Amino acid sequence: MTKAFHSICRWTFHAGKGGFLPANIRPAWASDKLDTVGVIKLIKEKIAPRLPENIVLGYEVHYDTEIDENNAAAVADALVDAGMYLAMITPGAHSHFAYGGLASLDPNERAKANELGTKTVDLAYGPLRKAWHPEVPPSLVIWNGSFGYDLATPAIRQMYQYLKEGIAGLCKHEEKAGGEMYIGIEPKPNEGHPAMLLPTVASAILLFRKIEEEFGVSRAKKGVNKEFGHSEMIGLDHVYDSMEELDNDAMVHMHLNSQGYNDSITLGGPGKFDIDHGTKITGMNIAIAALLDEYGFNRWKGHDMQPRGYDNEEQAIDRVIRSVLSWEACAKAAAELNTDELTKHLAARETGLAEDMMRDALVKAHKYFNEMYKG
């Protein structure tokens, strides 16, 4: 059976979100009781045994809030011991910078943001190197939470130029370190600024094309970490977003989650904040799974998700398991979809029959989920 690479995020496991929700609903996961190494052990003991044998598990972390020079060696040892791998690492710029990060017009903030990125690369190639999968290197993802603004001025031109310079410099630093990682931009339409420099998949693809033109940085292994929920938040079609990434050879990482509305059960949708539900079984996700198969994508698929504000520890663990199995169910149904017959129906304008085929695939996916979950 073909290996399926799924990664689980360190930041999913916390005591509670706070704000309008309880901050201590999961007391066993408080920061003084569950650290980054502890989450790996939890995944090994509570999650891995409930997943199919073909699933390879990875781990995703932020530098320097969840992993740094002090705990990186212990994290790498824990991953090796658990049979897991470093799937993705990202500079946690949003924890430090509120005025543009790499794109900041403040030279001091911009310099510190650039340094955070290079230190992230150094940690990945240093003590974390032993935890890489031999065939599927980790992704270096640049999330654009800092790349935003709230004043409409012509200075946006200079911010965008600084952003290109910063990411080009980071790519060159990674190339010198070994050039094995995949580097992706994670687009987001909002959060944490009213206006973002890279709100869409197309924005990220275009950015790397401009960086190649202006700075000579090859687009190979460069592209997008597309998060389903981010496309949904802005009312875009994450099926087309996926196709656009694949057709530009720009899908380097994936974050499988949902705003919820596409499953007709869970509430959410365009215009909402980043709800971060786990993966849902939907016809759209089955279509994406079929596209991934057609294009031969088989890299890390991350589950960037949050427990519900009312979940205890066991319920939160169960949501992660459900998210992984939901995607695997969609992928299994997609593999059995007769795309030639589907295309013939569409060419003949027999859209009702095409819809029937997708509905049958959806029913199969739910059946496969039940089998895996109960098994």
Protein backbone atom coordinates (compact mmCIF):
# COMPACT_ATOMS: atom_id res chain seq x y z
CA MET A 1 0.00 0.00 0.00
CA THR A 2 1.29 3.45 -0.91
CA LYS A 3 2.64 5.47 1.99
CA ALA A 4 0.62 8.51 3.00
CA PHE A 5 2.52 11.34 4.68
CA HIS A 6 0.51 13.19 7.33
CA SER A 7 1.93 15.72 9.77
CA ILE A 8 0.50 16.85 13.08
CA CYS A 9 1.06 20.32 14.47
CA ARG A 10 2.57 21.12 17.83
CA TRP A 11 0.23 24.09 18.29
CA THR A 12 -2.91 21.94 18.27
CA PHE A 13 -2.11 20.72 21.78
CA HIS A 14 -2.77 23.48 24.31
CA ALA A 15 -4.84 24.01 27.43
CA GLY A 16 -7.34 26.36 25.80
CA LYS A 17 -7.55 29.29 23.45
CA GLY A 18 -8.59 31.94 25.95
CA GLY A 19 -10.17 35.21 24.91
CA PHE A 20 -13.86 34.45 24.56
CA LEU A 21 -13.19 30.77 25.34
CA PRO A 22 -11.78 28.94 28.37
CA ALA A 23 -8.01 29.03 28.68
CA ASN A 24 -7.82 25.90 30.88
CA ILE A 25 -10.37 23.47 29.41
CA ARG A 26 -7.56 20.89 28.93
CA PRO A 27 -5.47 21.30 32.09
CA ALA A 28 -3.19 18.35 31.32
CA TRP A 29 -1.99 20.25 28.25
CA ALA A 30 -0.95 23.39 30.08
CA SER A 31 2.45 24.68 28.94
CA ASP A 32 4.10 23.74 32.25
CA LYS A 33 2.85 20.14 31.91
CA LEU A 34 3.09 19.35 28.19
CA ASP A 35 6.07 20.54 26.18
CA THR A 36 7.11 19.96 22.56
CA VAL A 37 8.76 16.64 23.35
CA GLY A 38 5.73 15.61 25.38
CA VAL A 39 3.42 16.18 22.42
CA ILE A 40 5.53 13.77 20.33
CA LYS A 41 5.15 11.10 23.00
CA LEU A 42 1.41 11.78 23.17
CA ILE A 43 1.09 11.34 19.40
CA LYS A 44 3.08 8.10 19.55
CA GLU A 45 0.93 6.66 22.35
CA LYS A 46 -2.55 8.04 21.64
CA ILE A 47 -2.79 8.79 17.92
CA ALA A 48 -0.41 6.59 15.92
CA PRO A 49 -1.96 3.27 17.08
CA ARG A 50 -5.37 4.37 15.75
CA LEU A 51 -4.17 5.11 12.21
CA PRO A 52 -3.70 2.76 9.24
CA GLU A 53 -0.25 1.21 8.87
CA ASN A 54 0.50 2.99 5.60
CA ILE A 55 0.42 6.42 7.29
CA VAL A 56 3.80 8.00 8.02
CA LEU A 57 3.59 10.69 10.69
CA GLY A 58 5.44 13.99 10.68
CA TYR A 59 5.59 16.90 13.10
CA GLU A 60 5.25 20.65 12.55
CA VAL A 61 6.76 23.35 14.79
CA HIS A 62 7.38 27.09 15.09
CA TYR A 63 10.85 28.47 15.77
CA ASP A 64 11.50 29.87 18.39
CA THR A 65 8.32 29.52 20.41
CA GLU A 66 7.88 25.73 20.23
CA ILE A 67 11.38 24.69 19.29
CA ASP A 68 14.74 26.42 19.70
CA GLU A 69 18.42 25.70 20.24
CA ASN A 70 17.74 24.52 23.80
CA ASN A 71 15.28 21.72 23.03
CA ALA A 72 15.97 20.86 19.36
CA ALA A 73 18.23 17.88 20.14
CA ALA A 74 15.66 16.41 22.53
CA VAL A 75 12.89 16.95 19.96
CA ALA A 76 14.94 15.18 17.28
CA ASP A 77 15.62 12.25 19.62
CA ALA A 78 11.93 12.01 20.50
CA LEU A 79 10.94 12.00 16.82
CA VAL A 80 13.40 9.24 16.00
CA ASP A 81 12.20 7.21 18.99
CA ALA A 82 8.57 7.65 17.93
CA GLY A 83 9.23 6.75 14.29
CA MET A 84 8.14 10.23 13.28
CA TYR A 85 9.82 12.91 11.18
CA LEU A 86 10.24 16.65 10.92
CA ALA A 87 7.64 17.56 8.31
CA MET A 88 7.55 21.34 8.54
CA ILE A 89 9.23 24.14 10.42
CA THR A 90 8.27 27.79 10.24
CA PRO A 91 9.64 30.99 11.73
CA GLY A 92 7.14 32.11 14.34
CA ALA A 93 7.39 35.72 13.18
CA HIS A 94 3.84 36.51 14.24
CA SER A 95 4.90 35.97 17.86
CA HIS A 96 7.53 38.71 17.61
CA PHE A 97 6.64 41.23 14.92
CA ALA A 98 3.55 43.35 14.40
CA TYR A 99 4.76 45.88 11.85
CA GLY A 100 5.42 43.89 8.71
CA GLY A 101 8.14 41.41 9.67
CA LEU A 102 10.26 40.77 6.58
CA ALA A 103 8.34 43.54 4.84
CA SER A 104 8.60 46.05 7.68
CA LEU A 105 9.54 49.63 6.92
CA ASP A 106 11.27 49.64 10.32
CA PRO A 107 14.83 48.50 9.54
CA ASN A 108 15.35 47.06 13.03
CA GLU A 109 12.26 44.84 12.83
CA ARG A 110 13.12 43.80 9.29
CA ALA A 111 16.65 42.78 10.32
CA LYS A 112 15.37 40.75 13.27
CA ALA A 113 12.76 39.03 11.10
CA ASN A 114 15.40 38.07 8.55
CA GLU A 115 17.57 36.69 11.33
CA LEU A 116 14.68 34.61 12.68
CA GLY A 117 14.31 32.99 9.26
CA THR A 118 17.98 32.10 8.86
CA LYS A 119 18.10 30.65 12.39
CA THR A 120 15.10 28.48 11.49
CA VAL A 121 17.00 27.05 8.53
CA ASP A 122 20.12 26.49 10.62
CA LEU A 123 18.15 24.56 13.24
CA ALA A 124 16.53 22.36 10.59
CA TYR A 125 19.88 21.46 9.03
CA GLY A 126 21.58 21.22 12.43
CA PRO A 127 20.23 19.22 15.38
CA LEU A 128 16.95 18.41 13.60
CA ARG A 129 18.62 16.88 10.53
CA LYS A 130 18.56 13.37 12.01
CA ALA A 131 14.75 13.54 12.15
CA TRP A 132 14.23 14.11 8.40
CA HIS A 133 12.48 11.44 6.37
CA PRO A 134 15.03 9.98 3.91
CA GLU A 135 12.71 10.39 0.92
CA VAL A 136 10.44 13.30 1.89
CA PRO A 137 12.39 16.32 3.17
CA PRO A 138 10.64 18.83 5.41
CA SER A 139 9.06 22.05 4.26
CA LEU A 140 10.14 25.51 5.34
CA VAL A 141 6.92 27.48 5.41
CA ILE A 142 6.71 31.25 5.59
CA TRP A 143 3.39 32.28 7.05
CA ASN A 144 2.39 35.84 6.27
CA GLY A 145 0.84 36.84 9.58
CA SER A 146 3.36 39.65 9.82
CA PHE A 147 3.19 40.67 6.17
CA GLY A 148 0.37 43.15 6.47
CA TYR A 149 -0.63 46.75 6.99
CA ASP A 150 -3.59 48.88 7.99
CA LEU A 151 -2.88 52.21 6.29
CA ALA A 152 -3.36 52.75 2.58
CA THR A 153 -0.19 54.53 1.39
CA PRO A 154 2.18 54.27 -1.58
CA ALA A 155 4.74 52.78 0.83
CA ILE A 156 3.20 49.39 0.08
CA ARG A 157 5.54 49.32 -2.93
CA GLN A 158 8.59 49.42 -0.66
CA MET A 159 7.07 46.86 1.71
CA TYR A 160 6.56 44.45 -1.18
CA GLN A 161 10.13 45.01 -2.35
CA TYR A 162 11.49 44.32 1.13
CA LEU A 163 9.40 41.17 1.25
CA LYS A 164 10.88 39.91 -2.02
CA GLU A 165 14.39 40.72 -0.82
CA GLY A 166 13.85 38.97 2.50
CA ILE A 167 12.46 35.77 1.04
CA ALA A 168 15.11 35.72 -1.68
CA GLY A 169 17.79 36.01 1.00
CA LEU A 170 16.21 33.20 3.01
CA CYS A 171 16.09 30.97 -0.09
CA LYS A 172 19.76 31.64 -0.80
CA HIS A 173 20.65 30.86 2.82
CA GLU A 174 18.78 27.56 2.60
CA GLU A 175 20.51 26.74 -0.69
CA LYS A 176 23.91 27.18 0.95
CA ALA A 177 22.80 24.97 3.84
CA GLY A 178 21.97 22.11 1.49
CA GLY A 179 19.10 23.06 -0.79
CA GLU A 180 17.04 20.01 0.15
CA MET A 181 14.05 21.63 1.84
CA TYR A 182 10.88 22.72 0.09
CA ILE A 183 10.05 26.38 0.69
CA GLY A 184 6.46 27.54 0.66
CA ILE A 185 4.45 30.68 1.29
CA GLU A 186 1.23 30.20 3.24
CA PRO A 187 -1.28 32.72 1.88
CA LYS A 188 -3.87 34.23 4.17
CA PRO A 189 -6.51 36.86 3.40
CA ASN A 190 -6.56 38.34 6.90
CA GLU A 191 -5.09 37.90 10.41
CA GLY A 192 -3.11 39.47 11.79
CA HIS A 193 -3.70 42.67 9.76
CA PRO A 194 -6.74 44.07 7.99
CA ALA A 195 -4.79 43.94 4.71
CA MET A 196 -2.21 41.33 3.75
CA LEU A 197 0.55 41.37 1.18
CA LEU A 198 0.03 37.75 0.13
CA PRO A 199 -3.67 36.94 0.48
CA THR A 200 -4.10 34.24 -2.18
CA VAL A 201 -2.44 31.22 -3.77
CA ALA A 202 -1.90 33.24 -6.94
CA SER A 203 -0.14 35.95 -4.91
CA ALA A 204 2.38 33.42 -3.59
CA ILE A 205 3.01 31.86 -7.00
CA LEU A 206 3.57 35.28 -8.53
CA LEU A 207 5.92 36.29 -5.71
CA PHE A 208 8.27 33.39 -6.42
CA ARG A 209 8.21 34.18 -10.13
CA LYS A 210 9.22 37.77 -9.36
CA ILE A 211 11.96 36.57 -7.00
CA GLU A 212 13.31 34.33 -9.73
CA GLU A 213 13.32 37.22 -12.22
CA GLU A 214 14.84 39.82 -9.89
CA PHE A 215 17.19 37.76 -7.72
CA GLY A 216 17.97 34.65 -9.73
CA VAL A 217 16.47 32.27 -7.18
CA SER A 218 15.20 29.12 -8.90
CA ARG A 219 11.52 28.30 -8.39
CA ALA A 220 12.39 24.60 -8.02
CA LYS A 221 11.08 23.36 -4.64
CA LYS A 222 9.44 26.76 -4.10
CA GLY A 223 5.75 27.42 -3.96
CA VAL A 224 2.72 27.35 -1.72
CA ASN A 225 1.56 25.84 1.51
CA LYS A 226 -2.12 26.09 0.67
CA GLU A 227 -4.44 25.84 3.62
CA PHE A 228 -7.95 24.82 2.66
CA GLY A 229 -9.55 27.02 5.32
CA HIS A 230 -7.71 30.13 4.14
CA SER A 231 -9.15 29.74 0.64
CA GLU A 232 -12.59 29.20 2.15
CA MET A 233 -12.27 32.26 4.40
CA ILE A 234 -12.04 34.58 1.42
CA GLY A 235 -14.73 32.76 -0.55
CA LEU A 236 -12.33 31.20 -3.07
CA ASP A 237 -12.50 27.71 -4.52
CA HIS A 238 -9.86 25.52 -2.89
CA VAL A 239 -10.27 22.94 -5.66
CA TYR A 240 -9.11 25.45 -8.26
CA ASP A 241 -6.47 26.81 -5.89
CA SER A 242 -5.08 23.28 -5.65
CA MET A 243 -5.09 22.81 -9.40
CA GLU A 244 -3.34 26.16 -9.87
CA GLU A 245 -0.59 25.14 -7.47
CA LEU A 246 -0.17 21.72 -9.06
CA ASP A 247 -0.14 23.07 -12.60
CA ASN A 248 2.61 25.53 -11.64
CA ASP A 249 4.59 22.80 -9.86
CA ALA A 250 4.18 24.96 -6.77
CA MET A 251 2.51 22.70 -4.23
CA VAL A 252 5.22 22.07 -1.66
CA HIS A 253 3.10 21.47 1.45
CA MET A 254 -0.57 21.27 2.38
CA HIS A 255 -2.63 22.20 5.41
CA LEU A 256 -5.77 20.13 5.47
CA ASN A 257 -8.48 21.77 7.49
CA SER A 258 -11.80 23.47 6.99
CA GLN A 259 -13.90 26.45 7.82
CA GLY A 260 -16.64 23.88 8.05
CA TYR A 261 -19.41 25.00 5.75
CA ASN A 262 -18.65 22.65 2.87
CA ASP A 263 -19.73 19.53 4.77
CA SER A 264 -23.27 20.96 5.30
CA ILE A 265 -23.01 20.10 9.01
CA THR A 266 -20.33 22.23 10.64
CA LEU A 267 -20.84 25.97 10.65
CA GLY A 268 -18.31 28.44 9.29
CA GLY A 269 -17.52 29.71 5.82
CA PRO A 270 -16.49 32.87 3.97
CA GLY A 271 -16.16 35.97 6.08
CA LYS A 272 -15.54 34.03 9.28
CA PHE A 273 -12.35 34.05 11.31
CA ASP A 274 -9.86 31.18 11.06
CA ILE A 275 -11.92 28.42 12.70
CA ASP A 276 -9.42 25.60 11.96
CA HIS A 277 -11.78 22.65 11.96
CA GLY A 278 -10.13 19.38 11.02
CA THR A 279 -10.47 17.85 7.57
CA LYS A 280 -14.02 17.12 6.46
CA ILE A 281 -15.33 14.52 4.04
CA THR A 282 -16.62 16.57 1.13
CA GLY A 283 -16.96 16.23 -2.60
CA MET A 284 -14.51 19.10 -2.99
CA ASN A 285 -11.87 17.27 -0.98
CA ILE A 286 -12.41 14.12 -3.03
CA ALA A 287 -11.84 16.19 -6.18
CA ILE A 288 -8.61 17.58 -4.70
CA ALA A 289 -7.43 14.12 -3.70
CA ALA A 290 -8.00 12.95 -7.29
CA LEU A 291 -5.98 15.91 -8.58
CA LEU A 292 -3.11 15.13 -6.22
CA ASP A 293 -3.07 11.57 -7.52
CA GLU A 294 -3.10 12.71 -11.16
CA TYR A 295 -0.20 15.11 -10.58
CA GLY A 296 1.74 12.62 -8.44
CA PHE A 297 1.88 14.74 -5.29
CA ASN A 298 2.89 12.69 -2.25
CA ARG A 299 4.49 15.02 0.26
CA TRP A 300 3.48 16.06 3.75
CA LYS A 301 -0.16 16.90 4.39
CA GLY A 302 -0.40 18.82 7.63
CA HIS A 303 -3.41 19.00 9.93
CA ASP A 304 -3.37 22.63 11.02
CA MET A 305 -6.36 22.45 13.31
CA GLN A 306 -7.63 23.44 16.72
CA PRO A 307 -9.72 21.52 19.23
CA ARG A 308 -13.11 23.00 19.90
CA GLY A 309 -13.27 25.38 22.82
CA TYR A 310 -15.27 22.81 24.82
CA ASP A 311 -13.11 19.71 24.11
CA ASN A 312 -11.29 17.85 26.86
CA GLU A 313 -7.98 16.15 26.11
CA GLU A 314 -9.44 12.88 24.83
CA GLN A 315 -11.96 14.65 22.61
CA ALA A 316 -9.21 16.85 21.16
CA ILE A 317 -7.08 13.78 20.38
CA ASP A 318 -10.08 12.18 18.71
CA ARG A 319 -10.52 15.21 16.45
CA VAL A 320 -6.96 14.84 15.15
CA ILE A 321 -7.57 11.17 14.41
CA ARG A 322 -10.82 12.01 12.65
CA SER A 323 -9.07 14.63 10.53
CA VAL A 324 -6.39 12.21 9.31
CA LEU A 325 -8.90 9.44 8.61
CA SER A 326 -11.26 11.83 6.84
CA TRP A 327 -8.58 12.73 4.33
CA GLU A 328 -7.58 9.10 3.85
CA ALA A 329 -11.23 8.24 3.22
CA CYS A 330 -11.45 10.99 0.59
CA ALA A 331 -8.22 9.77 -1.02
CA LYS A 332 -9.46 6.17 -1.13
CA ALA A 333 -12.75 7.20 -2.73
CA ALA A 334 -10.88 9.41 -5.22
CA ALA A 335 -8.62 6.52 -6.24
CA GLU A 336 -11.69 4.51 -7.24
CA LEU A 337 -13.30 7.35 -9.19
CA ASN A 338 -13.50 6.59 -12.92
CA THR A 339 -12.32 9.96 -14.18
CA ASP A 340 -12.52 8.91 -17.84
CA GLU A 341 -16.22 8.10 -17.48
CA LEU A 342 -16.74 11.28 -15.48
CA THR A 343 -15.13 13.37 -18.22
CA LYS A 344 -17.26 11.68 -20.89
CA HIS A 345 -20.41 12.59 -18.99
CA LEU A 346 -19.29 16.19 -18.68
CA ALA A 347 -18.32 16.38 -22.37
CA ALA A 348 -21.80 15.14 -23.26
CA ARG A 349 -23.36 17.69 -20.87
CA GLU A 350 -24.66 14.85 -18.73
CA THR A 351 -23.95 16.80 -15.59
CA GLY A 352 -26.56 14.95 -13.56
CA LEU A 353 -24.72 11.67 -14.18
CA ALA A 354 -21.42 13.34 -13.30
CA GLU A 355 -22.99 14.58 -10.09
CA ASP A 356 -24.18 11.05 -9.34
CA MET A 357 -20.62 9.77 -9.66
CA MET A 358 -19.28 12.35 -7.24
CA ARG A 359 -22.15 11.63 -4.82
CA ASP A 360 -21.36 7.91 -4.97
CA ALA A 361 -17.72 8.73 -4.21
CA LEU A 362 -18.84 10.82 -1.24
CA VAL A 363 -20.93 7.94 0.11
CA LYS A 364 -17.97 5.58 -0.30
CA ALA A 365 -15.69 7.99 1.55
CA HIS A 366 -18.02 8.06 4.54
CA LYS A 367 -18.11 4.25 4.48
CA TYR A 368 -14.31 4.05 4.39
CA PHE A 369 -14.06 6.51 7.27
CA ASN A 370 -16.39 4.40 9.40
CA GLU A 371 -14.37 1.28 8.65
CA MET A 372 -11.05 2.89 9.55
CA TYR A 373 -12.37 4.71 12.60
CA LYS A 374 -14.07 1.68 14.09
CA GLY A 375 -11.25 -0.65 13.09
